[in-house]
PDB file of N, CA and C in Angstrom:
ATOM      1  N   MET A   1     -59.521  22.923  63.909  1.00  0.00           N
ATOM      2  CA  MET A   1     -58.690  22.187  64.840  1.00  0.00           C
ATOM      3  C   MET A   1     -58.433  23.008  66.106  1.00  0.00           C
ATOM      4  N   LEU A   2     -58.205  24.302  65.931  1.00  0.00           N
ATOM      5  CA  LEU A   2     -57.968  25.169  67.082  1.00  0.00           C
ATOM      6  C   LEU A   2     -59.210  25.259  67.963  1.00  0.00           C
ATOM      7  N   THR A   3     -60.383  25.213  67.358  1.00  0.00           N
ATOM      8  CA  THR A   3     -61.622  25.261  68.123  1.00  0.00           C
ATOM      9  C   THR A   3     -61.757  24.031  69.016  1.00  0.00           C
ATOM     10  N   VAL A   4     -61.372  22.881  68.513  1.00  0.00           N
ATOM     11  CA  VAL A   4     -61.439  21.649  69.301  1.00  0.00           C
ATOM     12  C   VAL A   4     -60.463  21.715  70.468  1.00  0.00           C
ATOM     13  N   ILE A   5     -59.253  22.187  70.212  1.00  0.00           N
ATOM     14  CA  ILE A   5     -58.252  22.300  71.278  1.00  0.00           C
ATOM     15  C   ILE A   5     -58.718  23.284  72.344  1.00  0.00           C
ATOM     16  N   LEU A   6     -59.255  24.420  71.920  1.00  0.00           N
ATOM     17  CA  LEU A   6     -59.787  25.389  72.892  1.00  0.00           C
ATOM     18  C   LEU A   6     -60.952  24.809  73.689  1.00  0.00           C
ATOM     19  N   GLY A   7     -61.806  24.045  73.043  1.00  0.00           N
ATOM     20  CA  GLY A   7     -62.909  23.399  73.743  1.00  0.00           C
ATOM     21  C   GLY A   7     -62.423  22.419  74.795  1.00  0.00           C
ATOM     22  N   ILE A   8     -61.387  21.649  74.457  1.00  0.00           N
ATOM     23  CA  ILE A   8     -60.819  20.696  75.413  1.00  0.00           C
ATOM     24  C   ILE A   8     -60.154  21.435  76.565  1.00  0.00           C
ATOM     25  N   VAL A   9     -59.454  22.526  76.273  1.00  0.00           N
ATOM     26  CA  VAL A   9     -58.811  23.310  77.330  1.00  0.00           C
ATOM     27  C   VAL A   9     -59.859  23.933  78.244  1.00  0.00           C
ATOM     28  N   PHE A  10     -60.913  24.500  77.680  1.00  0.00           N
ATOM     29  CA  PHE A  10     -61.984  25.090  78.491  1.00  0.00           C
ATOM     30  C   PHE A  10     -62.637  24.032  79.388  1.00  0.00           C
ATOM     31  N   ALA A  11     -62.890  22.850  78.822  1.00  0.00           N
ATOM     32  CA  ALA A  11     -63.515  21.784  79.607  1.00  0.00           C
ATOM     33  C   ALA A  11     -62.570  21.304  80.714  1.00  0.00           C
ATOM     34  N   SER A  12     -61.294  21.213  80.421  1.00  0.00           N
ATOM     35  CA  SER A  12     -60.325  20.771  81.426  1.00  0.00           C
ATOM     36  C   SER A  12     -60.204  21.788  82.552  1.00  0.00           C
ATOM     37  N   VAL A  13     -60.117  23.048  82.203  1.00  0.00           N
ATOM     38  CA  VAL A  13     -60.035  24.100  83.223  1.00  0.00           C
ATOM     39  C   VAL A  13     -61.311  24.129  84.055  1.00  0.00           C
ATOM     40  N   GLY A  14     -62.454  23.985  83.408  1.00  0.00           N
ATOM     41  CA  GLY A  14     -63.716  23.957  84.128  1.00  0.00           C
ATOM     42  C   GLY A  14     -63.805  22.774  85.087  1.00  0.00           C
ATOM     43  N   ALA A  15     -63.316  21.612  84.651  1.00  0.00           N
ATOM     44  CA  ALA A  15     -63.350  20.430  85.513  1.00  0.00           C
ATOM     45  C   ALA A  15     -62.438  20.599  86.724  1.00  0.00           C
ATOM     46  N   VAL A  16     -61.251  21.144  86.519  1.00  0.00           N
ATOM     47  CA  VAL A  16     -60.321  21.346  87.632  1.00  0.00           C
ATOM     48  C   VAL A  16     -60.873  22.389  88.601  1.00  0.00           C
ATOM     49  N   MET A  17     -61.438  23.476  88.079  1.00  0.00           N
ATOM     50  CA  MET A  17     -62.009  24.490  88.969  1.00  0.00           C
ATOM     51  C   MET A  17     -63.197  23.932  89.752  1.00  0.00           C
ATOM     52  N   PHE A  18     -64.007  23.097  89.101  1.00  0.00           N
ATOM     53  CA  PHE A  18     -65.136  22.493  89.811  1.00  0.00           C
ATOM     54  C   PHE A  18     -64.640  21.541  90.889  1.00  0.00           C
ATOM     55  N   TYR A  19     -63.547  20.819  90.612  1.00  0.00           N
ATOM     56  CA  TYR A  19     -62.949  19.944  91.625  1.00  0.00           C
ATOM     57  C   TYR A  19     -62.434  20.771  92.802  1.00  0.00           C
ATOM     58  N   LEU A  20     -61.785  21.883  92.515  1.00  0.00           N
ATOM     59  CA  LEU A  20     -61.258  22.727  93.588  1.00  0.00           C
ATOM     60  C   LEU A  20     -62.368  23.382  94.405  1.00  0.00           C
ATOM     61  N   ALA A  21     -63.552  23.524  93.832  1.00  0.00           N
ATOM     62  CA  ALA A  21     -64.675  24.105  94.562  1.00  0.00           C
ATOM     63  C   ALA A  21     -65.346  23.094  95.485  1.00  0.00           C
ATOM     64  N   SER A  22     -64.949  21.835  95.381  1.00  0.00           N
ATOM     65  CA  SER A  22     -65.532  20.809  96.236  1.00  0.00           C
ATOM     66  C   SER A  22     -65.043  20.966  97.675  1.00  0.00           C
ATOM     67  N   PRO A  23     -65.910  20.784  98.661  1.00  0.00           N
ATOM     68  CA  PRO A  23     -65.475  20.941 100.049  1.00  0.00           C
ATOM     69  C   PRO A  23     -64.538  19.826 100.509  1.00  0.00           C
ATOM     70  N   HIS A  24     -64.489  18.700  99.801  1.00  0.00           N
ATOM     71  CA  HIS A  24     -63.656  17.574 100.222  1.00  0.00           C
ATOM     72  C   HIS A  24     -62.399  17.407  99.381  1.00  0.00           C
ATOM     73  N   GLN A  25     -62.048  18.401  98.606  1.00  0.00           N
ATOM     74  CA  GLN A  25     -60.837  18.293  97.803  1.00  0.00           C
ATOM     75  C   GLN A  25     -59.616  18.368  98.703  1.00  0.00           C
ATOM     76  N   LYS A  26     -58.560  17.667  98.314  1.00  0.00           N
ATOM     77  CA  LYS A  26     -57.349  17.589  99.138  1.00  0.00           C
ATOM     78  C   LYS A  26     -56.145  18.254  98.479  1.00  0.00           C
ATOM     79  N   LEU A  27     -56.346  18.895  97.339  1.00  0.00           N
ATOM     80  CA  LEU A  27     -55.218  19.485  96.622  1.00  0.00           C
ATOM     81  C   LEU A  27     -54.735  20.763  97.281  1.00  0.00           C
ATOM     82  N   LEU A  28     -55.650  21.663  97.599  1.00  0.00           N
ATOM     83  CA  LEU A  28     -55.285  22.928  98.222  1.00  0.00           C
ATOM     84  C   LEU A  28     -55.683  22.914  99.690  1.00  0.00           C
ATOM     85  N   THR A  29     -54.787  23.380 100.528  1.00  0.00           N
ATOM     86  CA  THR A  29     -55.119  23.481 101.946  1.00  0.00           C
ATOM     87  C   THR A  29     -55.707  24.847 102.280  1.00  0.00           C
ATOM     88  N   LEU A  30     -55.586  25.793 101.362  1.00  0.00           N
ATOM     89  CA  LEU A  30     -56.146  27.129 101.569  1.00  0.00           C
ATOM     90  C   LEU A  30     -57.650  27.115 101.341  1.00  0.00           C
ATOM     91  N   ALA A  31     -58.314  28.016 101.993  1.00  0.00           N
ATOM     92  CA  ALA A  31     -59.749  28.186 101.744  1.00  0.00           C
ATOM     93  C   ALA A  31     -59.928  28.921 100.419  1.00  0.00           C
ATOM     94  N   VAL A  32     -60.681  28.335  99.536  1.00  0.00           N
ATOM     95  CA  VAL A  32     -60.912  28.946  98.226  1.00  0.00           C
ATOM     96  C   VAL A  32     -62.355  29.444  98.159  1.00  0.00           C
ATOM     97  N   PRO A  33     -62.599  30.519  97.426  1.00  0.00           N
ATOM     98  CA  PRO A  33     -63.977  31.016  97.281  1.00  0.00           C
ATOM     99  C   PRO A  33     -64.786  30.071  96.394  1.00  0.00           C
ATOM    100  N   ARG A  34     -65.529  29.187  97.004  1.00  0.00           N
ATOM    101  CA  ARG A  34     -66.216  28.121  96.272  1.00  0.00           C
ATOM    102  C   ARG A  34     -67.275  28.651  95.305  1.00  0.00           C
ATOM    103  N   ARG A  35     -67.989  29.661  95.706  1.00  0.00           N
ATOM    104  CA  ARG A  35     -69.060  30.184  94.849  1.00  0.00           C
ATOM    105  C   ARG A  35     -68.481  30.738  93.541  1.00  0.00           C
ATOM    106  N   HIS A  36     -67.387  31.463  93.635  1.00  0.00           N
ATOM    107  CA  HIS A  36     -66.774  32.041  92.440  1.00  0.00           C
ATOM    108  C   HIS A  36     -66.165  30.956  91.550  1.00  0.00           C
ATOM    109  N   LEU A  37     -65.537  29.964  92.177  1.00  0.00           N
ATOM    110  CA  LEU A  37     -64.965  28.878  91.382  1.00  0.00           C
ATOM    111  C   LEU A  37     -66.048  28.090  90.654  1.00  0.00           C
ATOM    112  N   ARG A  38     -67.143  27.838  91.329  1.00  0.00           N
ATOM    113  CA  ARG A  38     -68.240  27.117  90.675  1.00  0.00           C
ATOM    114  C   ARG A  38     -68.805  27.908  89.504  1.00  0.00           C
ATOM    115  N   ALA A  39     -68.986  29.210  89.693  1.00  0.00           N
ATOM    116  CA  ALA A  39     -69.522  30.041  88.611  1.00  0.00           C
ATOM    117  C   ALA A  39     -68.565  30.068  87.420  1.00  0.00           C
ATOM    118  N   LEU A  40     -67.276  30.239  87.695  1.00  0.00           N
ATOM    119  CA  LEU A  40     -66.294  30.253  86.607  1.00  0.00           C
ATOM    120  C   LEU A  40     -66.199  28.901  85.917  1.00  0.00           C
ATOM    121  N   SER A  41     -66.300  27.824  86.696  1.00  0.00           N
ATOM    122  CA  SER A  41     -66.218  26.501  86.079  1.00  0.00           C
ATOM    123  C   SER A  41     -67.434  26.235  85.201  1.00  0.00           C
ATOM    124  N   ILE A  42     -68.600  26.654  85.646  1.00  0.00           N
ATOM    125  CA  ILE A  42     -69.796  26.456  84.826  1.00  0.00           C
ATOM    126  C   ILE A  42     -69.701  27.264  83.539  1.00  0.00           C
ATOM    127  N   LEU A  43     -69.209  28.503  83.639  1.00  0.00           N
ATOM    128  CA  LEU A  43     -69.023  29.310  82.422  1.00  0.00           C
ATOM    129  C   LEU A  43     -68.007  28.678  81.482  1.00  0.00           C
ATOM    130  N   SER A  44     -66.944  28.133  82.043  1.00  0.00           N
ATOM    131  CA  SER A  44     -65.924  27.484  81.220  1.00  0.00           C
ATOM    132  C   SER A  44     -66.480  26.240  80.541  1.00  0.00           C
ATOM    133  N   LEU A  45     -67.284  25.469  81.261  1.00  0.00           N
ATOM    134  CA  LEU A  45     -67.870  24.261  80.672  1.00  0.00           C
ATOM    135  C   LEU A  45     -68.901  24.613  79.600  1.00  0.00           C
ATOM    136  N   ILE A  46     -69.662  25.670  79.822  1.00  0.00           N
ATOM    137  CA  ILE A  46     -70.603  26.117  78.788  1.00  0.00           C
ATOM    138  C   ILE A  46     -69.834  26.593  77.557  1.00  0.00           C
ATOM    139  N   GLY A  47     -68.754  27.332  77.788  1.00  0.00           N
ATOM    140  CA  GLY A  47     -67.921  27.768  76.663  1.00  0.00           C
ATOM    141  C   GLY A  47     -67.341  26.596  75.900  1.00  0.00           C
ATOM    142  N   ALA A  48     -66.922  25.561  76.617  1.00  0.00           N
ATOM    143  CA  ALA A  48     -66.398  24.367  75.951  1.00  0.00           C
ATOM    144  C   ALA A  48     -67.475  23.704  75.110  1.00  0.00           C
ATOM    145  N   GLY A  49     -68.672  23.631  75.664  1.00  0.00           N
ATOM    146  CA  GLY A  49     -69.771  23.041  74.904  1.00  0.00           C
ATOM    147  C   GLY A  49     -70.115  23.837  73.659  1.00  0.00           C
ATOM    148  N   LEU A  50     -70.091  25.152  73.784  1.00  0.00           N
ATOM    149  CA  LEU A  50     -70.377  25.991  72.610  1.00  0.00           C
ATOM    150  C   LEU A  50     -69.287  25.875  71.557  1.00  0.00           C
ATOM    151  N   LEU A  51     -68.027  25.843  71.998  1.00  0.00           N
ATOM    152  CA  LEU A  51     -66.931  25.705  71.036  1.00  0.00           C
ATOM    153  C   LEU A  51     -66.984  24.358  70.320  1.00  0.00           C
ATOM    154  N   LEU A  52     -67.193  23.301  71.086  1.00  0.00           N
ATOM    155  CA  LEU A  52     -67.262  21.979  70.459  1.00  0.00           C
ATOM    156  C   LEU A  52     -68.535  21.821  69.640  1.00  0.00           C
ATOM    157  N   GLY A  53     -69.605  22.505  70.036  1.00  0.00           N
ATOM    158  CA  GLY A  53     -70.850  22.439  69.278  1.00  0.00           C
ATOM    159  C   GLY A  53     -70.752  23.057  67.897  1.00  0.00           C
ATOM    160  N   ARG A  54     -69.777  23.928  67.707  1.00  0.00           N
ATOM    161  CA  ARG A  54     -69.571  24.511  66.374  1.00  0.00           C
ATOM    162  C   ARG A  54     -68.994  23.500  65.407  1.00  0.00           C
ATOM    163  N   ILE A  55     -68.241  22.538  65.920  1.00  0.00           N
ATOM    164  CA  ILE A  55     -67.581  21.545  65.068  1.00  0.00           C
ATOM    165  C   ILE A  55     -68.470  20.314  64.877  1.00  0.00           C
ATOM    166  N   VAL A  56     -69.011  19.820  65.985  1.00  0.00           N
ATOM    167  CA  VAL A  56     -69.884  18.642  65.945  1.00  0.00           C
ATOM    168  C   VAL A  56     -71.270  19.079  66.405  1.00  0.00           C
ATOM    169  N   GLY A  57     -72.203  18.194  66.463  1.00  0.00           N
ATOM    170  CA  GLY A  57     -73.543  18.532  66.910  1.00  0.00           C
ATOM    171  C   GLY A  57     -73.588  18.849  68.400  1.00  0.00           C
ATOM    172  N   ALA A  58     -74.691  19.428  68.823  1.00  0.00           N
ATOM    173  CA  ALA A  58     -74.840  19.830  70.223  1.00  0.00           C
ATOM    174  C   ALA A  58     -74.831  18.621  71.157  1.00  0.00           C
ATOM    175  N   GLY A  59     -75.492  17.557  70.765  1.00  0.00           N
ATOM    176  CA  GLY A  59     -75.517  16.350  71.590  1.00  0.00           C
ATOM    177  C   GLY A  59     -74.142  15.726  71.738  1.00  0.00           C
ATOM    178  N   THR A  60     -73.401  15.673  70.644  1.00  0.00           N
ATOM    179  CA  THR A  60     -72.058  15.116  70.685  1.00  0.00           C
ATOM    180  C   THR A  60     -71.145  15.982  71.538  1.00  0.00           C
ATOM    181  N   ALA A  61     -71.270  17.284  71.420  1.00  0.00           N
ATOM    182  CA  ALA A  61     -70.452  18.186  72.232  1.00  0.00           C
ATOM    183  C   ALA A  61     -70.780  18.035  73.711  1.00  0.00           C
ATOM    184  N   PHE A  62     -72.065  17.914  74.036  1.00  0.00           N
ATOM    185  CA  PHE A  62     -72.497  17.746  75.417  1.00  0.00           C
ATOM    186  C   PHE A  62     -71.884  16.488  76.023  1.00  0.00           C
ATOM    187  N   PHE A  63     -71.988  15.374  75.318  1.00  0.00           N
ATOM    188  CA  PHE A  63     -71.461  14.126  75.858  1.00  0.00           C
ATOM    189  C   PHE A  63     -69.936  14.090  75.830  1.00  0.00           C
ATOM    190  N   ALA A  64     -69.305  14.804  74.907  1.00  0.00           N
ATOM    191  CA  ALA A  64     -67.836  14.886  74.918  1.00  0.00           C
ATOM    192  C   ALA A  64     -67.348  15.640  76.151  1.00  0.00           C
ATOM    193  N   VAL A  65     -68.031  16.726  76.490  1.00  0.00           N
ATOM    194  CA  VAL A  65     -67.658  17.493  77.688  1.00  0.00           C
ATOM    195  C   VAL A  65     -67.903  16.656  78.934  1.00  0.00           C
ATOM    196  N   LEU A  66     -69.019  15.935  78.998  1.00  0.00           N
ATOM    197  CA  LEU A  66     -69.297  15.081  80.153  1.00  0.00           C
ATOM    198  C   LEU A  66     -68.269  13.957  80.285  1.00  0.00           C
ATOM    199  N   THR A  67     -67.861  13.379  79.168  1.00  0.00           N
ATOM    200  CA  THR A  67     -66.851  12.321  79.206  1.00  0.00           C
ATOM    201  C   THR A  67     -65.524  12.862  79.711  1.00  0.00           C
ATOM    202  N   LEU A  68     -65.152  14.042  79.267  1.00  0.00           N
ATOM    203  CA  LEU A  68     -63.914  14.657  79.748  1.00  0.00           C
ATOM    204  C   LEU A  68     -64.006  14.983  81.232  1.00  0.00           C
ATOM    205  N   LEU A  69     -65.166  15.455  81.687  1.00  0.00           N
ATOM    206  CA  LEU A  69     -65.372  15.709  83.114  1.00  0.00           C
ATOM    207  C   LEU A  69     -65.194  14.436  83.937  1.00  0.00           C
ATOM    208  N   MET A  70     -65.820  13.357  83.506  1.00  0.00           N
ATOM    209  CA  MET A  70     -65.713  12.101  84.249  1.00  0.00           C
ATOM    210  C   MET A  70     -64.278  11.606  84.283  1.00  0.00           C
ATOM    211  N   ALA A  71     -63.570  11.731  83.182  1.00  0.00           N
ATOM    212  CA  ALA A  71     -62.182  11.271  83.144  1.00  0.00           C
ATOM    213  C   ALA A  71     -61.306  12.095  84.085  1.00  0.00           C
ATOM    214  N   LEU A  72     -61.443  13.402  84.039  1.00  0.00           N
ATOM    215  CA  LEU A  72     -60.610  14.246  84.893  1.00  0.00           C
ATOM    216  C   LEU A  72     -60.973  14.114  86.362  1.00  0.00           C
ATOM    217  N   TRP A  73     -62.262  13.963  86.661  1.00  0.00           N
ATOM    218  CA  TRP A  73     -62.668  13.803  88.058  1.00  0.00           C
ATOM    219  C   TRP A  73     -62.268  12.436  88.599  1.00  0.00           C
ATOM    220  N   SER A  74     -62.065  11.461  87.733  1.00  0.00           N
ATOM    221  CA  SER A  74     -61.577  10.157  88.181  1.00  0.00           C
ATOM    222  C   SER A  74     -60.074  10.171  88.415  1.00  0.00           C
ATOM    223  N   ILE A  75     -59.362  10.934  87.613  1.00  0.00           N
ATOM    224  CA  ILE A  75     -57.903  10.981  87.708  1.00  0.00           C
ATOM    225  C   ILE A  75     -57.446  11.928  88.810  1.00  0.00           C
ATOM    226  N   ALA A  76     -58.164  12.991  89.062  1.00  0.00           N
ATOM    227  CA  ALA A  76     -57.729  14.019  90.012  1.00  0.00           C
ATOM    228  C   ALA A  76     -57.458  13.473  91.418  1.00  0.00           C
ATOM    229  N   PRO A  77     -58.344  12.675  92.027  1.00  0.00           N
ATOM    230  CA  PRO A  77     -58.032  12.172  93.372  1.00  0.00           C
ATOM    231  C   PRO A  77     -56.810  11.261  93.404  1.00  0.00           C
ATOM    232  N   ILE A  78     -56.610  10.475  92.352  1.00  0.00           N
ATOM    233  CA  ILE A  78     -55.431   9.604  92.293  1.00  0.00           C
ATOM    234  C   ILE A  78     -54.167  10.447  92.183  1.00  0.00           C
ATOM    235  N   PHE A  79     -54.213  11.475  91.356  1.00  0.00           N
ATOM    236  CA  PHE A  79     -53.082  12.369  91.188  1.00  0.00           C
ATOM    237  C   PHE A  79     -52.750  13.093  92.489  1.00  0.00           C
ATOM    238  N   VAL A  80     -53.762  13.556  93.193  1.00  0.00           N
ATOM    239  CA  VAL A  80     -53.561  14.253  94.461  1.00  0.00           C
ATOM    240  C   VAL A  80     -52.979  13.308  95.502  1.00  0.00           C
ATOM    241  N   ALA A  81     -53.481  12.070  95.557  1.00  0.00           N
ATOM    242  CA  ALA A  81     -52.949  11.092  96.510  1.00  0.00           C
ATOM    243  C   ALA A  81     -51.492  10.773  96.200  1.00  0.00           C
ATOM    244  N   LEU A  82     -51.140  10.692  94.933  1.00  0.00           N
ATOM    245  CA  LEU A  82     -49.753  10.432  94.557  1.00  0.00           C
ATOM    246  C   LEU A  82     -48.847  11.584  94.972  1.00  0.00           C
ATOM    247  N   ILE A  83     -49.294  12.810  94.780  1.00  0.00           N
ATOM    248  CA  ILE A  83     -48.503  13.975  95.191  1.00  0.00           C
ATOM    249  C   ILE A  83     -48.318  13.983  96.701  1.00  0.00           C
ATOM    250  N   ARG A  84     -49.365  13.718  97.433  1.00  0.00           N
ATOM    251  CA  ARG A  84     -49.267  13.710  98.903  1.00  0.00           C
ATOM    252  C   ARG A  84     -48.351  12.581  99.373  1.00  0.00           C
ATOM    253  N   TYR A  85     -48.407  11.428  98.715  1.00  0.00           N
ATOM    254  CA  TYR A  85     -47.541  10.313  99.073  1.00  0.00           C
ATOM    255  C   TYR A  85     -46.079  10.666  98.826  1.00  0.00           C
ATOM    256  N   GLN A  86     -45.806  11.295  97.684  1.00  0.00           N
ATOM    257  CA  GLN A  86     -44.424  11.698  97.371  1.00  0.00           C
ATOM    258  C   GLN A  86     -43.925  12.727  98.374  1.00  0.00           C
ATOM    259  N   ASN A  87     -44.769  13.655  98.792  1.00  0.00           N
ATOM    260  CA  ASN A  87     -44.375  14.658  99.788  1.00  0.00           C
ATOM    261  C   ASN A  87     -44.097  14.019 101.141  1.00  0.00           C
ATOM    262  N   GLN A  88     -44.852  13.008 101.510  1.00  0.00           N
ATOM    263  CA  GLN A  88     -44.631  12.334 102.778  1.00  0.00           C
ATOM    264  C   GLN A  88     -43.335  11.531 102.762  1.00  0.00           C
ATOM    265  N   ARG A  89     -42.970  10.991 101.614  1.00  0.00           N
ATOM    266  CA  ARG A  89     -41.731  10.223 101.521  1.00  0.00           C
ATOM    267  C   ARG A  89     -40.504  11.121 101.567  1.00  0.00           C
ATOM    268  N   THR A  90     -40.612  12.297 100.957  1.00  0.00           N
ATOM    269  CA  THR A  90     -39.441  13.195 100.930  1.00  0.00           C
ATOM    270  C   THR A  90     -39.332  14.032 102.175  1.00  0.00           C
ATOM    271  N   HIS A  91     -40.446  14.299 102.858  1.00  0.00           N
ATOM    272  CA  HIS A  91     -40.436  15.108 104.074  1.00  0.00           C
ATOM    273  C   HIS A  91     -41.082  14.342 105.226  1.00  0.00           C
ATOM    274  N   PRO A  92     -40.352  13.383 105.828  1.00  0.00           N
ATOM    275  CA  PRO A  92     -40.979  12.577 106.890  1.00  0.00           C
ATOM    276  C   PRO A  92     -41.195  13.347 108.167  1.00  0.00           C
TER     277      PRO A  92
END
């Protein structure tokens, strides 16, 4: 059970870091080192796949990580827009 939770955490961290490495992300206004974030996110996603592959098959782990990536990448822009909207309402 702990392996599954660690796999989900690794995949989530990898997805967020990959989102932050995007040139069009709106969450951080600071310049982030994109090359390092991409490398760390890829390592985190590979680690998630290896952890989940120990519990289920390699194919299932691969598609589970991809499904989590798609879900987080779909939610992240909505979450960022909501945060920016709330900041604009409180600080006009």
